[in-house]
Amino acid sequence: MGFLVRMAFWFSLVLLVLPLDPGGTADGVTNVSPVQAFLAAREAVGDVTGICERKPDVCETGKSAMHTVGVRAREAARIAFEMLDENFSEPDTATTTGGIPMPKADVAASD
């Protein structure tokens, strides 16, 4: 879900930066220039970074949520590693591949 939110954010920034002329504007709505969009995004980031000072409980909840996500991701990685280790720990001796023999001159030089 976080991936989709990030993609929507970056896609919207790309759309704001592209020099497209959408034609007329709607009722009282003005077009936003890329510079104005950048400044607004910078202000939004500044507002989000100051939220911990205004509402410390939000930051504590977010910290706990990130800790839970980290623990679950670590456990999922451990389970995946164990599954891969069970399936791929022993070399596959049934499959043979063709090899390129060493040239005769290299055999004598390597001895």
PDB file of N, CA and C in Angstrom:
ATOM      1  N   MET A   1       0.823  -1.181   0.000  1.00  0.00           N
ATOM      2  CA  MET A   1       0.000   0.000   0.000  1.00  0.00           C
ATOM      3  C   MET A   1       0.876   1.257   0.000  1.00  0.00           C
ATOM      4  N   GLY A   2       1.961   1.207   0.773  1.00  0.00           N
ATOM      5  CA  GLY A   2       2.877   2.339   0.801  1.00  0.00           C
ATOM      6  C   GLY A   2       3.494   2.597  -0.560  1.00  0.00           C
ATOM      7  N   PHE A   3       3.745   1.519  -1.303  1.00  0.00           N
ATOM      8  CA  PHE A   3       4.293   1.660  -2.649  1.00  0.00           C
ATOM      9  C   PHE A   3       3.339   2.446  -3.533  1.00  0.00           C
ATOM     10  N   LEU A   4       2.051   2.151  -3.438  1.00  0.00           N
ATOM     11  CA  LEU A   4       1.060   2.852  -4.261  1.00  0.00           C
ATOM     12  C   LEU A   4       0.976   4.330  -3.896  1.00  0.00           C
ATOM     13  N   VAL A   5       1.068   4.626  -2.609  1.00  0.00           N
ATOM     14  CA  VAL A   5       1.019   6.020  -2.179  1.00  0.00           C
ATOM     15  C   VAL A   5       2.235   6.775  -2.698  1.00  0.00           C
ATOM     16  N   ARG A   6       3.427   6.158  -2.581  1.00  0.00           N
ATOM     17  CA  ARG A   6       4.635   6.806  -3.093  1.00  0.00           C
ATOM     18  C   ARG A   6       4.561   7.011  -4.595  1.00  0.00           C
ATOM     19  N   MET A   7       4.068   5.997  -5.312  1.00  0.00           N
ATOM     20  CA  MET A   7       3.970   6.123  -6.766  1.00  0.00           C
ATOM     21  C   MET A   7       2.992   7.231  -7.153  1.00  0.00           C
ATOM     22  N   ALA A   8       1.865   7.327  -6.451  1.00  0.00           N
ATOM     23  CA  ALA A   8       0.905   8.395  -6.742  1.00  0.00           C
ATOM     24  C   ALA A   8       1.524   9.758  -6.478  1.00  0.00           C
ATOM     25  N   PHE A   9       2.298   9.878  -5.405  1.00  0.00           N
ATOM     26  CA  PHE A   9       2.956  11.147  -5.087  1.00  0.00           C
ATOM     27  C   PHE A   9       3.926  11.547  -6.184  1.00  0.00           C
ATOM     28  N   TRP A  10       4.820  10.629  -6.574  1.00  0.00           N
ATOM     29  CA  TRP A  10       5.815  10.950  -7.582  1.00  0.00           C
ATOM     30  C   TRP A  10       5.176  11.187  -8.947  1.00  0.00           C
ATOM     31  N   PHE A  11       4.133  10.430  -9.253  1.00  0.00           N
ATOM     32  CA  PHE A  11       3.438  10.622 -10.528  1.00  0.00           C
ATOM     33  C   PHE A  11       2.787  12.004 -10.576  1.00  0.00           C
ATOM     34  N   SER A  12       2.197  12.431  -9.449  1.00  0.00           N
ATOM     35  CA  SER A  12       1.580  13.754  -9.429  1.00  0.00           C
ATOM     36  C   SER A  12       2.631  14.847  -9.568  1.00  0.00           C
ATOM     37  N   LEU A  13       3.823  14.645  -8.973  1.00  0.00           N
ATOM     38  CA  LEU A  13       4.886  15.635  -9.154  1.00  0.00           C
ATOM     39  C   LEU A  13       5.351  15.698 -10.601  1.00  0.00           C
ATOM     40  N   VAL A  14       5.445  14.548 -11.244  1.00  0.00           N
ATOM     41  CA  VAL A  14       5.845  14.528 -12.654  1.00  0.00           C
ATOM     42  C   VAL A  14       4.810  15.261 -13.493  1.00  0.00           C
ATOM     43  N   LEU A  15       3.538  15.041 -13.207  1.00  0.00           N
ATOM     44  CA  LEU A  15       2.494  15.728 -13.974  1.00  0.00           C
ATOM     45  C   LEU A  15       2.536  17.235 -13.759  1.00  0.00           C
ATOM     46  N   LEU A  16       2.903  17.670 -12.555  1.00  0.00           N
ATOM     47  CA  LEU A  16       2.990  19.103 -12.312  1.00  0.00           C
ATOM     48  C   LEU A  16       4.181  19.739 -13.027  1.00  0.00           C
ATOM     49  N   VAL A  17       5.250  18.987 -13.190  1.00  0.00           N
ATOM     50  CA  VAL A  17       6.461  19.535 -13.794  1.00  0.00           C
ATOM     51  C   VAL A  17       6.378  19.560 -15.314  1.00  0.00           C
ATOM     52  N   LEU A  18       5.651  18.621 -15.898  1.00  0.00           N
ATOM     53  CA  LEU A  18       5.560  18.578 -17.356  1.00  0.00           C
ATOM     54  C   LEU A  18       4.908  19.850 -17.898  1.00  0.00           C
ATOM     55  N   PRO A  19       5.471  20.427 -18.935  1.00  0.00           N
ATOM     56  CA  PRO A  19       4.912  21.666 -19.486  1.00  0.00           C
ATOM     57  C   PRO A  19       3.740  21.393 -20.418  1.00  0.00           C
ATOM     58  N   LEU A  20       2.614  21.037 -19.851  1.00  0.00           N
ATOM     59  CA  LEU A  20       1.412  20.779 -20.636  1.00  0.00           C
ATOM     60  C   LEU A  20       0.459  21.957 -20.505  1.00  0.00           C
ATOM     61  N   ASP A  21      -0.254  22.273 -21.588  1.00  0.00           N
ATOM     62  CA  ASP A  21      -1.252  23.327 -21.540  1.00  0.00           C
ATOM     63  C   ASP A  21      -2.620  22.661 -21.593  1.00  0.00           C
ATOM     64  N   PRO A  22      -3.304  22.566 -20.444  1.00  0.00           N
ATOM     65  CA  PRO A  22      -4.588  21.872 -20.430  1.00  0.00           C
ATOM     66  C   PRO A  22      -5.720  22.655 -21.058  1.00  0.00           C
ATOM     67  N   GLY A  23      -5.451  23.823 -21.567  1.00  0.00           N
ATOM     68  CA  GLY A  23      -6.503  24.626 -22.172  1.00  0.00           C
ATOM     69  C   GLY A  23      -7.056  25.602 -21.153  1.00  0.00           C
ATOM     70  N   GLY A  24      -8.350  25.762 -21.143  1.00  0.00           N
ATOM     71  CA  GLY A  24      -8.997  26.683 -20.214  1.00  0.00           C
ATOM     72  C   GLY A  24      -8.992  26.144 -18.799  1.00  0.00           C
ATOM     73  N   THR A  25      -9.200  27.067 -17.851  1.00  0.00           N
ATOM     74  CA  THR A  25      -9.271  26.661 -16.454  1.00  0.00           C
ATOM     75  C   THR A  25     -10.722  26.575 -16.034  1.00  0.00           C
ATOM     76  N   ALA A  26     -10.981  25.807 -14.991  1.00  0.00           N
ATOM     77  CA  ALA A  26     -12.337  25.660 -14.469  1.00  0.00           C
ATOM     78  C   ALA A  26     -12.728  26.923 -13.713  1.00  0.00           C
ATOM     79  N   ASP A  27     -13.851  26.900 -13.095  1.00  0.00           N
ATOM     80  CA  ASP A  27     -14.398  28.067 -12.400  1.00  0.00           C
ATOM     81  C   ASP A  27     -13.459  28.562 -11.299  1.00  0.00           C
ATOM     82  N   GLY A  28     -12.692  29.577 -11.593  1.00  0.00           N
ATOM     83  CA  GLY A  28     -11.833  30.207 -10.608  1.00  0.00           C
ATOM     84  C   GLY A  28     -10.598  29.409 -10.221  1.00  0.00           C
ATOM     85  N   VAL A  29     -10.307  28.297 -10.883  1.00  0.00           N
ATOM     86  CA  VAL A  29      -9.144  27.478 -10.563  1.00  0.00           C
ATOM     87  C   VAL A  29      -7.993  27.924 -11.460  1.00  0.00           C
ATOM     88  N   THR A  30      -6.853  28.202 -10.852  1.00  0.00           N
ATOM     89  CA  THR A  30      -5.701  28.639 -11.627  1.00  0.00           C
ATOM     90  C   THR A  30      -4.734  27.485 -11.811  1.00  0.00           C
ATOM     91  N   ASN A  31      -3.960  27.558 -12.874  1.00  0.00           N
ATOM     92  CA  ASN A  31      -2.912  26.560 -13.100  1.00  0.00           C
ATOM     93  C   ASN A  31      -1.750  26.831 -12.150  1.00  0.00           C
ATOM     94  N   VAL A  32      -1.072  25.761 -11.774  1.00  0.00           N
ATOM     95  CA  VAL A  32       0.054  25.862 -10.862  1.00  0.00           C
ATOM     96  C   VAL A  32       1.327  25.638 -11.655  1.00  0.00           C
ATOM     97  N   SER A  33       2.289  26.536 -11.472  1.00  0.00           N
ATOM     98  CA  SER A  33       3.563  26.374 -12.164  1.00  0.00           C
ATOM     99  C   SER A  33       4.420  25.356 -11.413  1.00  0.00           C
ATOM    100  N   PRO A  34       5.420  24.794 -12.070  1.00  0.00           N
ATOM    101  CA  PRO A  34       6.307  23.843 -11.379  1.00  0.00           C
ATOM    102  C   PRO A  34       6.995  24.446 -10.153  1.00  0.00           C
ATOM    103  N   VAL A  35       7.340  25.717 -10.222  1.00  0.00           N
ATOM    104  CA  VAL A  35       7.989  26.363  -9.078  1.00  0.00           C
ATOM    105  C   VAL A  35       7.019  26.461  -7.906  1.00  0.00           C
ATOM    106  N   GLN A  36       5.772  26.845  -8.184  1.00  0.00           N
ATOM    107  CA  GLN A  36       4.770  26.919  -7.127  1.00  0.00           C
ATOM    108  C   GLN A  36       4.502  25.540  -6.530  1.00  0.00           C
ATOM    109  N   ALA A  37       4.476  24.517  -7.372  1.00  0.00           N
ATOM    110  CA  ALA A  37       4.260  23.158  -6.877  1.00  0.00           C
ATOM    111  C   ALA A  37       5.409  22.718  -5.988  1.00  0.00           C
ATOM    112  N   PHE A  38       6.646  23.052  -6.381  1.00  0.00           N
ATOM    113  CA  PHE A  38       7.805  22.701  -5.568  1.00  0.00           C
ATOM    114  C   PHE A  38       7.762  23.411  -4.221  1.00  0.00           C
ATOM    115  N   LEU A  39       7.434  24.689  -4.226  1.00  0.00           N
ATOM    116  CA  LEU A  39       7.362  25.429  -2.973  1.00  0.00           C
ATOM    117  C   LEU A  39       6.267  24.887  -2.065  1.00  0.00           C
ATOM    118  N   ALA A  40       5.138  24.516  -2.653  1.00  0.00           N
ATOM    119  CA  ALA A  40       4.054  23.946  -1.853  1.00  0.00           C
ATOM    120  C   ALA A  40       4.460  22.593  -1.274  1.00  0.00           C
ATOM    121  N   ALA A  41       5.160  21.780  -2.058  1.00  0.00           N
ATOM    122  CA  ALA A  41       5.624  20.481  -1.558  1.00  0.00           C
ATOM    123  C   ALA A  41       6.635  20.677  -0.435  1.00  0.00           C
ATOM    124  N   ARG A  42       7.495  21.677  -0.571  1.00  0.00           N
ATOM    125  CA  ARG A  42       8.478  21.956   0.488  1.00  0.00           C
ATOM    126  C   ARG A  42       7.773  22.396   1.773  1.00  0.00           C
ATOM    127  N   GLU A  43       6.755  23.224   1.642  1.00  0.00           N
ATOM    128  CA  GLU A  43       5.985  23.646   2.812  1.00  0.00           C
ATOM    129  C   GLU A  43       5.262  22.464   3.451  1.00  0.00           C
ATOM    130  N   ALA A  44       4.737  21.564   2.622  1.00  0.00           N
ATOM    131  CA  ALA A  44       4.043  20.379   3.158  1.00  0.00           C
ATOM    132  C   ALA A  44       5.008  19.491   3.928  1.00  0.00           C
ATOM    133  N   VAL A  45       6.214  19.310   3.401  1.00  0.00           N
ATOM    134  CA  VAL A  45       7.217  18.505   4.107  1.00  0.00           C
ATOM    135  C   VAL A  45       7.582  19.173   5.425  1.00  0.00           C
ATOM    136  N   GLY A  46       7.736  20.486   5.415  1.00  0.00           N
ATOM    137  CA  GLY A  46       8.034  21.216   6.643  1.00  0.00           C
ATOM    138  C   GLY A  46       6.926  21.075   7.671  1.00  0.00           C
ATOM    139  N   ASP A  47       5.686  21.060   7.199  1.00  0.00           N
ATOM    140  CA  ASP A  47       4.552  20.892   8.103  1.00  0.00           C
ATOM    141  C   ASP A  47       4.526  19.490   8.692  1.00  0.00           C
ATOM    142  N   VAL A  48       4.821  18.490   7.868  1.00  0.00           N
ATOM    143  CA  VAL A  48       4.814  17.111   8.345  1.00  0.00           C
ATOM    144  C   VAL A  48       5.938  16.885   9.352  1.00  0.00           C
ATOM    145  N   THR A  49       7.100  17.492   9.125  1.00  0.00           N
ATOM    146  CA  THR A  49       8.201  17.301  10.065  1.00  0.00           C
ATOM    147  C   THR A  49       7.932  17.972  11.397  1.00  0.00           C
ATOM    148  N   GLY A  50       7.080  18.987  11.430  1.00  0.00           N
ATOM    149  CA  GLY A  50       6.756  19.666  12.680  1.00  0.00           C
ATOM    150  C   GLY A  50       5.600  19.044  13.425  1.00  0.00           C
ATOM    151  N   ILE A  51       5.039  17.960  12.911  1.00  0.00           N
ATOM    152  CA  ILE A  51       3.870  17.367  13.545  1.00  0.00           C
ATOM    153  C   ILE A  51       4.216  16.743  14.894  1.00  0.00           C
ATOM    154  N   CYS A  52       5.448  16.297  15.076  1.00  0.00           N
ATOM    155  CA  CYS A  52       5.843  15.683  16.344  1.00  0.00           C
ATOM    156  C   CYS A  52       5.820  16.697  17.478  1.00  0.00           C
ATOM    157  N   GLU A  53       6.063  17.956  17.162  1.00  0.00           N
ATOM    158  CA  GLU A  53       5.999  18.991  18.190  1.00  0.00           C
ATOM    159  C   GLU A  53       4.559  19.319  18.549  1.00  0.00           C
ATOM    160  N   ARG A  54       3.677  19.287  17.546  1.00  0.00           N
ATOM    161  CA  ARG A  54       2.272  19.615  17.797  1.00  0.00           C
ATOM    162  C   ARG A  54       1.511  18.457  18.426  1.00  0.00           C
ATOM    163  N   LYS A  55       1.756  17.249  17.933  1.00  0.00           N
ATOM    164  CA  LYS A  55       1.026  16.076  18.406  1.00  0.00           C
ATOM    165  C   LYS A  55       2.001  14.937  18.661  1.00  0.00           C
ATOM    166  N   PRO A  56       2.582  14.872  19.847  1.00  0.00           N
ATOM    167  CA  PRO A  56       3.567  13.825  20.131  1.00  0.00           C
ATOM    168  C   PRO A  56       2.982  12.417  20.103  1.00  0.00           C
ATOM    169  N   ASP A  57       1.690  12.272  20.386  1.00  0.00           N
ATOM    170  CA  ASP A  57       1.092  10.935  20.364  1.00  0.00           C
ATOM    171  C   ASP A  57       1.074  10.338  18.965  1.00  0.00           C
ATOM    172  N   VAL A  58       0.971  11.186  17.948  1.00  0.00           N
ATOM    173  CA  VAL A  58       1.007  10.703  16.568  1.00  0.00           C
ATOM    174  C   VAL A  58       2.381  10.116  16.252  1.00  0.00           C
ATOM    175  N   CYS A  59       3.422  10.777  16.714  1.00  0.00           N
ATOM    176  CA  CYS A  59       4.780  10.273  16.467  1.00  0.00           C
ATOM    177  C   CYS A  59       5.039   8.989  17.235  1.00  0.00           C
ATOM    178  N   GLU A  60       4.532   8.894  18.456  1.00  0.00           N
ATOM    179  CA  GLU A  60       4.707   7.667  19.234  1.00  0.00           C
ATOM    180  C   GLU A  60       3.992   6.495  18.565  1.00  0.00           C
ATOM    181  N   THR A  61       2.787   6.738  18.071  1.00  0.00           N
ATOM    182  CA  THR A  61       2.056   5.685  17.372  1.00  0.00           C
ATOM    183  C   THR A  61       2.779   5.294  16.091  1.00  0.00           C
ATOM    184  N   GLY A  62       3.274   6.276  15.355  1.00  0.00           N
ATOM    185  CA  GLY A  62       4.029   5.984  14.131  1.00  0.00           C
ATOM    186  C   GLY A  62       5.301   5.216  14.418  1.00  0.00           C
ATOM    187  N   LYS A  63       5.976   5.568  15.497  1.00  0.00           N
ATOM    188  CA  LYS A  63       7.200   4.861  15.878  1.00  0.00           C
ATOM    189  C   LYS A  63       6.888   3.410  16.214  1.00  0.00           C
ATOM    190  N   SER A  64       5.810   3.191  16.953  1.00  0.00           N
ATOM    191  CA  SER A  64       5.409   1.820  17.296  1.00  0.00           C
ATOM    192  C   SER A  64       5.018   1.040  16.050  1.00  0.00           C
ATOM    193  N   ALA A  65       4.318   1.696  15.133  1.00  0.00           N
ATOM    194  CA  ALA A  65       3.910   1.028  13.896  1.00  0.00           C
ATOM    195  C   ALA A  65       5.131   0.646  13.067  1.00  0.00           C
ATOM    196  N   MET A  66       6.115   1.543  12.962  1.00  0.00           N
ATOM    197  CA  MET A  66       7.320   1.230  12.195  1.00  0.00           C
ATOM    198  C   MET A  66       8.107   0.102  12.847  1.00  0.00           C
ATOM    199  N   HIS A  67       8.121   0.060  14.174  1.00  0.00           N
ATOM    200  CA  HIS A  67       8.801  -1.026  14.873  1.00  0.00           C
ATOM    201  C   HIS A  67       8.119  -2.350  14.571  1.00  0.00           C
ATOM    202  N   THR A  68       6.777  -2.359  14.599  1.00  0.00           N
ATOM    203  CA  THR A  68       6.024  -3.576  14.302  1.00  0.00           C
ATOM    204  C   THR A  68       6.267  -4.031  12.877  1.00  0.00           C
ATOM    205  N   VAL A  69       6.276  -3.102  11.934  1.00  0.00           N
ATOM    206  CA  VAL A  69       6.539  -3.444  10.540  1.00  0.00           C
ATOM    207  C   VAL A  69       7.948  -4.013  10.390  1.00  0.00           C
ATOM    208  N   GLY A  70       8.915  -3.427  11.080  1.00  0.00           N
ATOM    209  CA  GLY A  70      10.285  -3.924  11.014  1.00  0.00           C
ATOM    210  C   GLY A  70      10.423  -5.333  11.565  1.00  0.00           C
ATOM    211  N   VAL A  71       9.764  -5.596  12.681  1.00  0.00           N
ATOM    212  CA  VAL A  71       9.815  -6.931  13.281  1.00  0.00           C
ATOM    213  C   VAL A  71       9.169  -7.949  12.353  1.00  0.00           C
ATOM    214  N   ARG A  72       8.029  -7.596  11.798  1.00  0.00           N
ATOM    215  CA  ARG A  72       7.341  -8.522  10.882  1.00  0.00           C
ATOM    216  C   ARG A  72       8.154  -8.750   9.616  1.00  0.00           C
ATOM    217  N   ALA A  73       8.783  -7.714   9.086  1.00  0.00           N
ATOM    218  CA  ALA A  73       9.610  -7.877   7.882  1.00  0.00           C
ATOM    219  C   ALA A  73      10.812  -8.765   8.175  1.00  0.00           C
ATOM    220  N   ARG A  74      11.422  -8.584   9.345  1.00  0.00           N
ATOM    221  CA  ARG A  74      12.558  -9.421   9.714  1.00  0.00           C
ATOM    222  C   ARG A  74      12.134 -10.882   9.854  1.00  0.00           C
ATOM    223  N   GLU A  75      10.973 -11.113  10.454  1.00  0.00           N
ATOM    224  CA  GLU A  75      10.477 -12.487  10.615  1.00  0.00           C
ATOM    225  C   GLU A  75      10.141 -13.101   9.256  1.00  0.00           C
ATOM    226  N   ALA A  76       9.528 -12.323   8.365  1.00  0.00           N
ATOM    227  CA  ALA A  76       9.205 -12.823   7.026  1.00  0.00           C
ATOM    228  C   ALA A  76      10.482 -13.155   6.257  1.00  0.00           C
ATOM    229  N   ALA A  77      11.513 -12.330   6.399  1.00  0.00           N
ATOM    230  CA  ALA A  77      12.789 -12.605   5.723  1.00  0.00           C
ATOM    231  C   ALA A  77      13.426 -13.876   6.278  1.00  0.00           C
ATOM    232  N   ARG A  78      13.328 -14.077   7.595  1.00  0.00           N
ATOM    233  CA  ARG A  78      13.883 -15.289   8.199  1.00  0.00           C
ATOM    234  C   ARG A  78      13.171 -16.533   7.680  1.00  0.00           C
ATOM    235  N   ILE A  79      11.838 -16.462   7.605  1.00  0.00           N
ATOM    236  CA  ILE A  79      11.060 -17.600   7.104  1.00  0.00           C
ATOM    237  C   ILE A  79      11.408 -17.873   5.645  1.00  0.00           C
ATOM    238  N   ALA A  80      11.512 -16.832   4.842  1.00  0.00           N
ATOM    239  CA  ALA A  80      11.862 -17.000   3.426  1.00  0.00           C
ATOM    240  C   ALA A  80      13.260 -17.594   3.283  1.00  0.00           C
ATOM    241  N   PHE A  81      14.207 -17.136   4.106  1.00  0.00           N
ATOM    242  CA  PHE A  81      15.564 -17.680   4.052  1.00  0.00           C
ATOM    243  C   PHE A  81      15.565 -19.162   4.410  1.00  0.00           C
ATOM    244  N   GLU A  82      14.808 -19.528   5.430  1.00  0.00           N
ATOM    245  CA  GLU A  82      14.753 -20.937   5.821  1.00  0.00           C
ATOM    246  C   GLU A  82      14.129 -21.791   4.717  1.00  0.00           C
ATOM    247  N   MET A  83      13.087 -21.280   4.073  1.00  0.00           N
ATOM    248  CA  MET A  83      12.468 -22.025   2.971  1.00  0.00           C
ATOM    249  C   MET A  83      13.447 -22.196   1.818  1.00  0.00           C
ATOM    250  N   LEU A  84      14.161 -21.135   1.468  1.00  0.00           N
ATOM    251  CA  LEU A  84      15.147 -21.226   0.385  1.00  0.00           C
ATOM    252  C   LEU A  84      16.294 -22.145   0.766  1.00  0.00           C
ATOM    253  N   ASP A  85      16.696 -22.107   2.024  1.00  0.00           N
ATOM    254  CA  ASP A  85      17.783 -22.958   2.483  1.00  0.00           C
ATOM    255  C   ASP A  85      17.384 -24.429   2.425  1.00  0.00           C
ATOM    256  N   GLU A  86      16.124 -24.726   2.746  1.00  0.00           N
ATOM    257  CA  GLU A  86      15.644 -26.110   2.666  1.00  0.00           C
ATOM    258  C   GLU A  86      15.627 -26.600   1.227  1.00  0.00           C
ATOM    259  N   ASN A  87      15.211 -25.754   0.305  1.00  0.00           N
ATOM    260  CA  ASN A  87      15.046 -26.165  -1.088  1.00  0.00           C
ATOM    261  C   ASN A  87      16.347 -26.143  -1.887  1.00  0.00           C
ATOM    262  N   PHE A  88      17.258 -25.254  -1.537  1.00  0.00           N
ATOM    263  CA  PHE A  88      18.438 -25.061  -2.371  1.00  0.00           C
ATOM    264  C   PHE A  88      19.753 -25.285  -1.634  1.00  0.00           C
ATOM    265  N   SER A  89      19.723 -25.910  -0.471  1.00  0.00           N
ATOM    266  CA  SER A  89      20.959 -26.067   0.288  1.00  0.00           C
ATOM    267  C   SER A  89      21.873 -27.130  -0.301  1.00  0.00           C
ATOM    268  N   GLU A  90      21.318 -28.184  -0.890  1.00  0.00           N
ATOM    269  CA  GLU A  90      22.139 -29.241  -1.469  1.00  0.00           C
ATOM    270  C   GLU A  90      22.351 -28.974  -2.955  1.00  0.00           C
ATOM    271  N   PRO A  91      23.557 -29.201  -3.460  1.00  0.00           N
ATOM    272  CA  PRO A  91      23.797 -28.961  -4.890  1.00  0.00           C
ATOM    273  C   PRO A  91      23.008 -29.951  -5.737  1.00  0.00           C
ATOM    274  N   ASP A  92      22.609 -29.493  -6.892  1.00  0.00           N
ATOM    275  CA  ASP A  92      21.847 -30.325  -7.827  1.00  0.00           C
ATOM    276  C   ASP A  92      22.831 -31.155  -8.647  1.00  0.00           C
ATOM    277  N   THR A  93      22.923 -32.446  -8.327  1.00  0.00           N
ATOM    278  CA  THR A  93      23.847 -33.320  -9.046  1.00  0.00           C
ATOM    279  C   THR A  93      23.173 -34.001 -10.230  1.00  0.00           C
ATOM    280  N   ALA A  94      21.855 -33.932 -10.322  1.00  0.00           N
ATOM    281  CA  ALA A  94      21.143 -34.590 -11.414  1.00  0.00           C
ATOM    282  C   ALA A  94      21.283 -33.820 -12.725  1.00  0.00           C
ATOM    283  N   THR A  95      21.442 -32.526 -12.655  1.00  0.00           N
ATOM    284  CA  THR A  95      21.545 -31.698 -13.851  1.00  0.00           C
ATOM    285  C   THR A  95      23.006 -31.585 -14.251  1.00  0.00           C
ATOM    286  N   THR A  96      23.260 -31.869 -15.524  1.00  0.00           N
ATOM    287  CA  THR A  96      24.614 -31.701 -16.036  1.00  0.00           C
ATOM    288  C   THR A  96      24.615 -30.629 -17.103  1.00  0.00           C
ATOM    289  N   THR A  97      25.673 -29.909 -17.150  1.00  0.00           N
ATOM    290  CA  THR A  97      25.811 -28.865 -18.163  1.00  0.00           C
ATOM    291  C   THR A  97      27.038 -29.161 -19.002  1.00  0.00           C
ATOM    292  N   GLY A  98      27.039 -28.631 -20.179  1.00  0.00           N
ATOM    293  CA  GLY A  98      28.194 -28.820 -21.052  1.00  0.00           C
ATOM    294  C   GLY A  98      29.324 -27.913 -20.619  1.00  0.00           C
ATOM    295  N   GLY A  99      30.515 -28.356 -20.771  1.00  0.00           N
ATOM    296  CA  GLY A  99      31.667 -27.553 -20.407  1.00  0.00           C
ATOM    297  C   GLY A  99      32.549 -27.346 -21.615  1.00  0.00           C
ATOM    298  N   ILE A 100      33.383 -26.367 -21.535  1.00  0.00           N
ATOM    299  CA  ILE A 100      34.329 -26.095 -22.606  1.00  0.00           C
ATOM    300  C   ILE A 100      35.674 -26.647 -22.160  1.00  0.00           C
ATOM    301  N   PRO A 101      36.225 -27.621 -22.901  1.00  0.00           N
ATOM    302  CA  PRO A 101      37.516 -28.178 -22.481  1.00  0.00           C
ATOM    303  C   PRO A 101      38.626 -27.163 -22.682  1.00  0.00           C
ATOM    304  N   MET A 102      39.638 -27.274 -21.843  1.00  0.00           N
ATOM    305  CA  MET A 102      40.776 -26.375 -21.964  1.00  0.00           C
ATOM    306  C   MET A 102      41.573 -26.750 -23.201  1.00  0.00           C
ATOM    307  N   PRO A 103      42.112 -25.785 -23.919  1.00  0.00           N
ATOM    308  CA  PRO A 103      42.965 -26.097 -25.065  1.00  0.00           C
ATOM    309  C   PRO A 103      44.221 -26.831 -24.604  1.00  0.00           C
ATOM    310  N   LYS A 104      44.790 -27.600 -25.497  1.00  0.00           N
ATOM    311  CA  LYS A 104      45.964 -28.413 -25.172  1.00  0.00           C
ATOM    312  C   LYS A 104      47.150 -27.566 -24.716  1.00  0.00           C
ATOM    313  N   ALA A 105      47.339 -26.399 -25.305  1.00  0.00           N
ATOM    314  CA  ALA A 105      48.485 -25.562 -24.950  1.00  0.00           C
ATOM    315  C   ALA A 105      48.349 -25.049 -23.524  1.00  0.00           C
ATOM    316  N   ASP A 106      47.134 -24.730 -23.088  1.00  0.00           N
ATOM    317  CA  ASP A 106      46.921 -24.242 -21.746  1.00  0.00           C
ATOM    318  C   ASP A 106      47.089 -25.326 -20.705  1.00  0.00           C
ATOM    319  N   VAL A 107      46.806 -26.586 -21.078  1.00  0.00           N
ATOM    320  CA  VAL A 107      46.964 -27.699 -20.149  1.00  0.00           C
ATOM    321  C   VAL A 107      48.443 -27.885 -19.825  1.00  0.00           C
ATOM    322  N   ALA A 108      49.303 -27.809 -20.847  1.00  0.00           N
ATOM    323  CA  ALA A 108      50.740 -27.990 -20.632  1.00  0.00           C
ATOM    324  C   ALA A 108      51.308 -26.803 -19.839  1.00  0.00           C
ATOM    325  N   ALA A 109      50.786 -25.599 -20.089  1.00  0.00           N
ATOM    326  CA  ALA A 109      51.306 -24.414 -19.406  1.00  0.00           C
ATOM    327  C   ALA A 109      50.870 -24.395 -17.953  1.00  0.00           C
ATOM    328  N   SER A 110      49.704 -24.978 -17.643  1.00  0.00           N
ATOM    329  CA  SER A 110      49.216 -24.925 -16.271  1.00  0.00           C
ATOM    330  C   SER A 110      49.873 -25.959 -15.393  1.00  0.00           C
ATOM    331  N   ASP A 111      50.564 -26.961 -15.968  1.00  0.00           N
ATOM    332  CA  ASP A 111      51.228 -28.004 -15.167  1.00  0.00           C
ATOM    333  C   ASP A 111      52.504 -27.554 -14.597  1.00  0.00           C
TER     334      ASP A 111
END
